[in-house]
Amino acid sequence: MAKIELNDELIQLERRAWQEQQLGALTVETAAAVQAAVTARAAATGQNRYEVEKELKRVVRHSPE
């Protein structure tokens, strides 16, 4: 399997969404922006959208800052 490469913009969007989620304040706009960015990244790199999202969540939620 090819390595999933994420860009800084995508990581920052997911960090914002994760922070909002932790505060119980996730907005539709933030969630939609993340989903659109994940879809665009997957299309641009020719990779599976699910795999891109899974790697993004792993990097943001399970990696030490």
PDB file of N, CA and C in Angstrom:
ATOM      1  N   MET A   1       0.839  -1.182   0.000  1.00  0.00           N
ATOM      2  CA  MET A   1       0.000   0.000   0.000  1.00  0.00           C
ATOM      3  C   MET A   1       0.881   1.242   0.000  1.00  0.00           C
ATOM      4  N   ALA A   2       0.494   2.218  -0.801  1.00  0.00           N
ATOM      5  CA  ALA A   2       1.236   3.479  -0.889  1.00  0.00           C
ATOM      6  C   ALA A   2       1.051   4.282   0.393  1.00  0.00           C
ATOM      7  N   LYS A   3       2.100   4.999   0.722  1.00  0.00           N
ATOM      8  CA  LYS A   3       2.040   5.846   1.911  1.00  0.00           C
ATOM      9  C   LYS A   3       1.088   7.013   1.653  1.00  0.00           C
ATOM     10  N   ILE A   4       0.247   7.282   2.609  1.00  0.00           N
ATOM     11  CA  ILE A   4      -0.689   8.414   2.530  1.00  0.00           C
ATOM     12  C   ILE A   4       0.059   9.669   2.982  1.00  0.00           C
ATOM     13  N   GLU A   5       0.127  10.665   2.109  1.00  0.00           N
ATOM     14  CA  GLU A   5       0.775  11.915   2.465  1.00  0.00           C
ATOM     15  C   GLU A   5      -0.287  12.986   2.653  1.00  0.00           C
ATOM     16  N   LEU A   6      -0.197  13.658   3.763  1.00  0.00           N
ATOM     17  CA  LEU A   6      -1.161  14.696   4.116  1.00  0.00           C
ATOM     18  C   LEU A   6      -0.495  16.051   4.011  1.00  0.00           C
ATOM     19  N   ASN A   7      -1.264  17.062   3.650  1.00  0.00           N
ATOM     20  CA  ASN A   7      -0.687  18.405   3.616  1.00  0.00           C
ATOM     21  C   ASN A   7      -1.049  19.163   4.896  1.00  0.00           C
ATOM     22  N   ASP A   8      -0.350  20.262   5.124  1.00  0.00           N
ATOM     23  CA  ASP A   8      -0.535  21.038   6.354  1.00  0.00           C
ATOM     24  C   ASP A   8      -1.950  21.587   6.486  1.00  0.00           C
ATOM     25  N   GLU A   9      -2.527  22.019   5.367  1.00  0.00           N
ATOM     26  CA  GLU A   9      -3.877  22.578   5.404  1.00  0.00           C
ATOM     27  C   GLU A   9      -4.883  21.539   5.912  1.00  0.00           C
ATOM     28  N   LEU A  10      -4.759  20.331   5.411  1.00  0.00           N
ATOM     29  CA  LEU A  10      -5.663  19.259   5.821  1.00  0.00           C
ATOM     30  C   LEU A  10      -5.496  18.927   7.304  1.00  0.00           C
ATOM     31  N   ILE A  11      -4.270  18.878   7.750  1.00  0.00           N
ATOM     32  CA  ILE A  11      -4.001  18.592   9.163  1.00  0.00           C
ATOM     33  C   ILE A  11      -4.563  19.698  10.047  1.00  0.00           C
ATOM     34  N   GLN A  12      -4.389  20.950   9.641  1.00  0.00           N
ATOM     35  CA  GLN A  12      -4.918  22.065  10.440  1.00  0.00           C
ATOM     36  C   GLN A  12      -6.446  22.043  10.498  1.00  0.00           C
ATOM     37  N   LEU A  13      -7.087  21.728   9.381  1.00  0.00           N
ATOM     38  CA  LEU A  13      -8.555  21.619   9.381  1.00  0.00           C
ATOM     39  C   LEU A  13      -9.020  20.533  10.340  1.00  0.00           C
ATOM     40  N   GLU A  14      -8.376  19.385  10.300  1.00  0.00           N
ATOM     41  CA  GLU A  14      -8.768  18.286  11.188  1.00  0.00           C
ATOM     42  C   GLU A  14      -8.489  18.631  12.641  1.00  0.00           C
ATOM     43  N   ARG A  15      -7.394  19.321  12.909  1.00  0.00           N
ATOM     44  CA  ARG A  15      -7.106  19.740  14.294  1.00  0.00           C
ATOM     45  C   ARG A  15      -8.202  20.657  14.821  1.00  0.00           C
ATOM     46  N   ARG A  16      -8.627  21.592  13.978  1.00  0.00           N
ATOM     47  CA  ARG A  16      -9.707  22.500  14.392  1.00  0.00           C
ATOM     48  C   ARG A  16     -10.993  21.717  14.656  1.00  0.00           C
ATOM     49  N   ALA A  17     -11.318  20.780  13.763  1.00  0.00           N
ATOM     50  CA  ALA A  17     -12.529  19.968  13.939  1.00  0.00           C
ATOM     51  C   ALA A  17     -12.428  19.132  15.208  1.00  0.00           C
ATOM     52  N   TRP A  18     -11.277  18.554  15.467  1.00  0.00           N
ATOM     53  CA  TRP A  18     -11.090  17.722  16.656  1.00  0.00           C
ATOM     54  C   TRP A  18     -11.226  18.562  17.927  1.00  0.00           C
ATOM     55  N   GLN A  19     -10.664  19.767  17.916  1.00  0.00           N
ATOM     56  CA  GLN A  19     -10.797  20.657  19.077  1.00  0.00           C
ATOM     57  C   GLN A  19     -12.261  21.025  19.305  1.00  0.00           C
ATOM     58  N   GLU A  20     -12.956  21.372  18.235  1.00  0.00           N
ATOM     59  CA  GLU A  20     -14.372  21.701  18.367  1.00  0.00           C
ATOM     60  C   GLU A  20     -15.155  20.505  18.893  1.00  0.00           C
ATOM     61  N   GLN A  21     -14.837  19.336  18.397  1.00  0.00           N
ATOM     62  CA  GLN A  21     -15.542  18.128  18.833  1.00  0.00           C
ATOM     63  C   GLN A  21     -15.310  17.884  20.323  1.00  0.00           C
ATOM     64  N   GLN A  22     -14.088  18.076  20.779  1.00  0.00           N
ATOM     65  CA  GLN A  22     -13.774  17.872  22.189  1.00  0.00           C
ATOM     66  C   GLN A  22     -14.522  18.854  23.089  1.00  0.00           C
ATOM     67  N   LEU A  23     -14.804  20.025  22.551  1.00  0.00           N
ATOM     68  CA  LEU A  23     -15.543  21.042  23.309  1.00  0.00           C
ATOM     69  C   LEU A  23     -17.051  20.917  23.151  1.00  0.00           C
ATOM     70  N   GLY A  24     -17.480  19.968  22.336  1.00  0.00           N
ATOM     71  CA  GLY A  24     -18.904  19.801  22.073  1.00  0.00           C
ATOM     72  C   GLY A  24     -19.453  20.915  21.208  1.00  0.00           C
ATOM     73  N   ALA A  25     -18.587  21.484  20.366  1.00  0.00           N
ATOM     74  CA  ALA A  25     -18.994  22.640  19.574  1.00  0.00           C
ATOM     75  C   ALA A  25     -18.653  22.489  18.095  1.00  0.00           C
ATOM     76  N   LEU A  26     -18.588  21.271  17.613  1.00  0.00           N
ATOM     77  CA  LEU A  26     -18.282  21.041  16.204  1.00  0.00           C
ATOM     78  C   LEU A  26     -19.399  21.600  15.339  1.00  0.00           C
ATOM     79  N   THR A  27     -19.022  22.454  14.395  1.00  0.00           N
ATOM     80  CA  THR A  27     -20.021  23.052  13.509  1.00  0.00           C
ATOM     81  C   THR A  27     -20.124  22.261  12.206  1.00  0.00           C
ATOM     82  N   VAL A  28     -21.255  22.399  11.564  1.00  0.00           N
ATOM     83  CA  VAL A  28     -21.461  21.766  10.260  1.00  0.00           C
ATOM     84  C   VAL A  28     -20.432  22.300   9.265  1.00  0.00           C
ATOM     85  N   GLU A  29     -20.148  23.573   9.336  1.00  0.00           N
ATOM     86  CA  GLU A  29     -19.197  24.194   8.416  1.00  0.00           C
ATOM     87  C   GLU A  29     -17.806  23.592   8.559  1.00  0.00           C
ATOM     88  N   THR A  30     -17.345  23.405   9.784  1.00  0.00           N
ATOM     89  CA  THR A  30     -16.030  22.822  10.011  1.00  0.00           C
ATOM     90  C   THR A  30     -15.988  21.375   9.536  1.00  0.00           C
ATOM     91  N   ALA A  31     -16.994  20.605   9.892  1.00  0.00           N
ATOM     92  CA  ALA A  31     -17.046  19.200   9.481  1.00  0.00           C
ATOM     93  C   ALA A  31     -17.090  19.087   7.958  1.00  0.00           C
ATOM     94  N   ALA A  32     -17.872  19.930   7.313  1.00  0.00           N
ATOM     95  CA  ALA A  32     -17.980  19.905   5.851  1.00  0.00           C
ATOM     96  C   ALA A  32     -16.659  20.302   5.200  1.00  0.00           C
ATOM     97  N   ALA A  33     -15.958  21.259   5.784  1.00  0.00           N
ATOM     98  CA  ALA A  33     -14.664  21.683   5.235  1.00  0.00           C
ATOM     99  C   ALA A  33     -13.653  20.545   5.292  1.00  0.00           C
ATOM    100  N   VAL A  34     -13.646  19.807   6.389  1.00  0.00           N
ATOM    101  CA  VAL A  34     -12.739  18.660   6.510  1.00  0.00           C
ATOM    102  C   VAL A  34     -13.090  17.602   5.482  1.00  0.00           C
ATOM    103  N   GLN A  35     -14.357  17.276   5.371  1.00  0.00           N
ATOM    104  CA  GLN A  35     -14.778  16.237   4.424  1.00  0.00           C
ATOM    105  C   GLN A  35     -14.441  16.631   2.989  1.00  0.00           C
ATOM    106  N   ALA A  36     -14.660  17.891   2.640  1.00  0.00           N
ATOM    107  CA  ALA A  36     -14.349  18.364   1.291  1.00  0.00           C
ATOM    108  C   ALA A  36     -12.838  18.301   1.030  1.00  0.00           C
ATOM    109  N   ALA A  37     -12.058  18.676   2.030  1.00  0.00           N
ATOM    110  CA  ALA A  37     -10.603  18.652   1.874  1.00  0.00           C
ATOM    111  C   ALA A  37     -10.080  17.223   1.760  1.00  0.00           C
ATOM    112  N   VAL A  38     -10.641  16.304   2.522  1.00  0.00           N
ATOM    113  CA  VAL A  38     -10.246  14.896   2.433  1.00  0.00           C
ATOM    114  C   VAL A  38     -10.580  14.354   1.050  1.00  0.00           C
ATOM    115  N   THR A  39     -11.771  14.638   0.578  1.00  0.00           N
ATOM    116  CA  THR A  39     -12.198  14.174  -0.744  1.00  0.00           C
ATOM    117  C   THR A  39     -11.293  14.745  -1.836  1.00  0.00           C
ATOM    118  N   ALA A  40     -10.969  16.032  -1.749  1.00  0.00           N
ATOM    119  CA  ALA A  40     -10.102  16.667  -2.739  1.00  0.00           C
ATOM    120  C   ALA A  40      -8.697  16.075  -2.705  1.00  0.00           C
ATOM    121  N   ARG A  41      -8.174  15.834  -1.507  1.00  0.00           N
ATOM    122  CA  ARG A  41      -6.829  15.259  -1.371  1.00  0.00           C
ATOM    123  C   ARG A  41      -6.792  13.857  -1.959  1.00  0.00           C
ATOM    124  N   ALA A  42      -7.800  13.067  -1.678  1.00  0.00           N
ATOM    125  CA  ALA A  42      -7.857  11.696  -2.206  1.00  0.00           C
ATOM    126  C   ALA A  42      -7.917  11.729  -3.730  1.00  0.00           C
ATOM    127  N   ALA A  43      -8.726  12.606  -4.286  1.00  0.00           N
ATOM    128  CA  ALA A  43      -8.844  12.710  -5.742  1.00  0.00           C
ATOM    129  C   ALA A  43      -7.530  13.179  -6.362  1.00  0.00           C
ATOM    130  N   ALA A  44      -6.873  14.142  -5.731  1.00  0.00           N
ATOM    131  CA  ALA A  44      -5.625  14.698  -6.263  1.00  0.00           C
ATOM    132  C   ALA A  44      -4.480  13.692  -6.232  1.00  0.00           C
ATOM    133  N   THR A  45      -4.491  12.810  -5.237  1.00  0.00           N
ATOM    134  CA  THR A  45      -3.400  11.846  -5.094  1.00  0.00           C
ATOM    135  C   THR A  45      -3.749  10.475  -5.648  1.00  0.00           C
ATOM    136  N   GLY A  46      -5.020  10.289  -6.043  1.00  0.00           N
ATOM    137  CA  GLY A  46      -5.439   8.994  -6.569  1.00  0.00           C
ATOM    138  C   GLY A  46      -5.536   7.917  -5.511  1.00  0.00           C
ATOM    139  N   GLN A  47      -5.731   8.343  -4.265  1.00  0.00           N
ATOM    140  CA  GLN A  47      -5.799   7.384  -3.170  1.00  0.00           C
ATOM    141  C   GLN A  47      -7.225   7.241  -2.667  1.00  0.00           C
ATOM    142  N   ASN A  48      -7.452   6.178  -1.942  1.00  0.00           N
ATOM    143  CA  ASN A  48      -8.761   5.882  -1.389  1.00  0.00           C
ATOM    144  C   ASN A  48      -9.130   6.939  -0.357  1.00  0.00           C
ATOM    145  N   ARG A  49     -10.311   7.530  -0.501  1.00  0.00           N
ATOM    146  CA  ARG A  49     -10.770   8.578   0.414  1.00  0.00           C
ATOM    147  C   ARG A  49     -10.810   8.099   1.861  1.00  0.00           C
ATOM    148  N   TYR A  50     -11.282   6.885   2.059  1.00  0.00           N
ATOM    149  CA  TYR A  50     -11.352   6.318   3.403  1.00  0.00           C
ATOM    150  C   TYR A  50      -9.949   6.223   4.024  1.00  0.00           C
ATOM    151  N   GLU A  51      -8.974   5.785   3.234  1.00  0.00           N
ATOM    152  CA  GLU A  51      -7.605   5.646   3.749  1.00  0.00           C
ATOM    153  C   GLU A  51      -6.994   7.001   4.089  1.00  0.00           C
ATOM    154  N   VAL A  52      -7.289   8.017   3.277  1.00  0.00           N
ATOM    155  CA  VAL A  52      -6.798   9.367   3.563  1.00  0.00           C
ATOM    156  C   VAL A  52      -7.397   9.858   4.876  1.00  0.00           C
ATOM    157  N   GLU A  53      -8.704   9.686   5.046  1.00  0.00           N
ATOM    158  CA  GLU A  53      -9.358  10.134   6.280  1.00  0.00           C
ATOM    159  C   GLU A  53      -8.842   9.362   7.493  1.00  0.00           C
ATOM    160  N   LYS A  54      -8.656   8.082   7.345  1.00  0.00           N
ATOM    161  CA  LYS A  54      -8.159   7.256   8.451  1.00  0.00           C
ATOM    162  C   LYS A  54      -6.764   7.712   8.889  1.00  0.00           C
ATOM    163  N   GLU A  55      -5.884   7.964   7.932  1.00  0.00           N
ATOM    164  CA  GLU A  55      -4.532   8.432   8.256  1.00  0.00           C
ATOM    165  C   GLU A  55      -4.575   9.816   8.889  1.00  0.00           C
ATOM    166  N   LEU A  56      -5.431  10.679   8.383  1.00  0.00           N
ATOM    167  CA  LEU A  56      -5.573  12.016   8.951  1.00  0.00           C
ATOM    168  C   LEU A  56      -5.993  11.945  10.412  1.00  0.00           C
ATOM    169  N   LYS A  57      -6.976  11.143  10.708  1.00  0.00           N
ATOM    170  CA  LYS A  57      -7.440  11.006  12.096  1.00  0.00           C
ATOM    171  C   LYS A  57      -6.339  10.406  12.986  1.00  0.00           C
ATOM    172  N   ARG A  58      -5.605   9.442  12.449  1.00  0.00           N
ATOM    173  CA  ARG A  58      -4.514   8.842  13.222  1.00  0.00           C
ATOM    174  C   ARG A  58      -3.463   9.891  13.566  1.00  0.00           C
ATOM    175  N   VAL A  59      -3.079  10.686  12.569  1.00  0.00           N
ATOM    176  CA  VAL A  59      -2.046  11.706  12.787  1.00  0.00           C
ATOM    177  C   VAL A  59      -2.513  12.747  13.800  1.00  0.00           C
ATOM    178  N   VAL A  60      -3.730  13.233  13.661  1.00  0.00           N
ATOM    179  CA  VAL A  60      -4.211  14.308  14.526  1.00  0.00           C
ATOM    180  C   VAL A  60      -4.582  13.810  15.908  1.00  0.00           C
ATOM    181  N   ARG A  61      -5.237  12.683  15.989  1.00  0.00           N
ATOM    182  CA  ARG A  61      -5.797  12.238  17.273  1.00  0.00           C
ATOM    183  C   ARG A  61      -4.880  11.316  18.075  1.00  0.00           C
ATOM    184  N   HIS A  62      -3.929  10.674  17.426  1.00  0.00           N
ATOM    185  CA  HIS A  62      -3.168   9.660  18.132  1.00  0.00           C
ATOM    186  C   HIS A  62      -1.663   9.861  18.102  1.00  0.00           C
ATOM    187  N   SER A  63      -1.222  11.002  17.615  1.00  0.00           N
ATOM    188  CA  SER A  63       0.215  11.315  17.598  1.00  0.00           C
ATOM    189  C   SER A  63       0.499  12.398  18.614  1.00  0.00           C
ATOM    190  N   PRO A  64       1.616  12.279  19.315  1.00  0.00           N
ATOM    191  CA  PRO A  64       1.963  13.357  20.252  1.00  0.00           C
ATOM    192  C   PRO A  64       2.270  14.635  19.479  1.00  0.00           C
ATOM    193  N   GLU A  65       1.881  15.760  20.028  1.00  0.00           N
ATOM    194  CA  GLU A  65       2.075  17.059  19.346  1.00  0.00           C
ATOM    195  C   GLU A  65       3.540  17.424  19.367  1.00  0.00           C
TER     196      GLU A  65
END
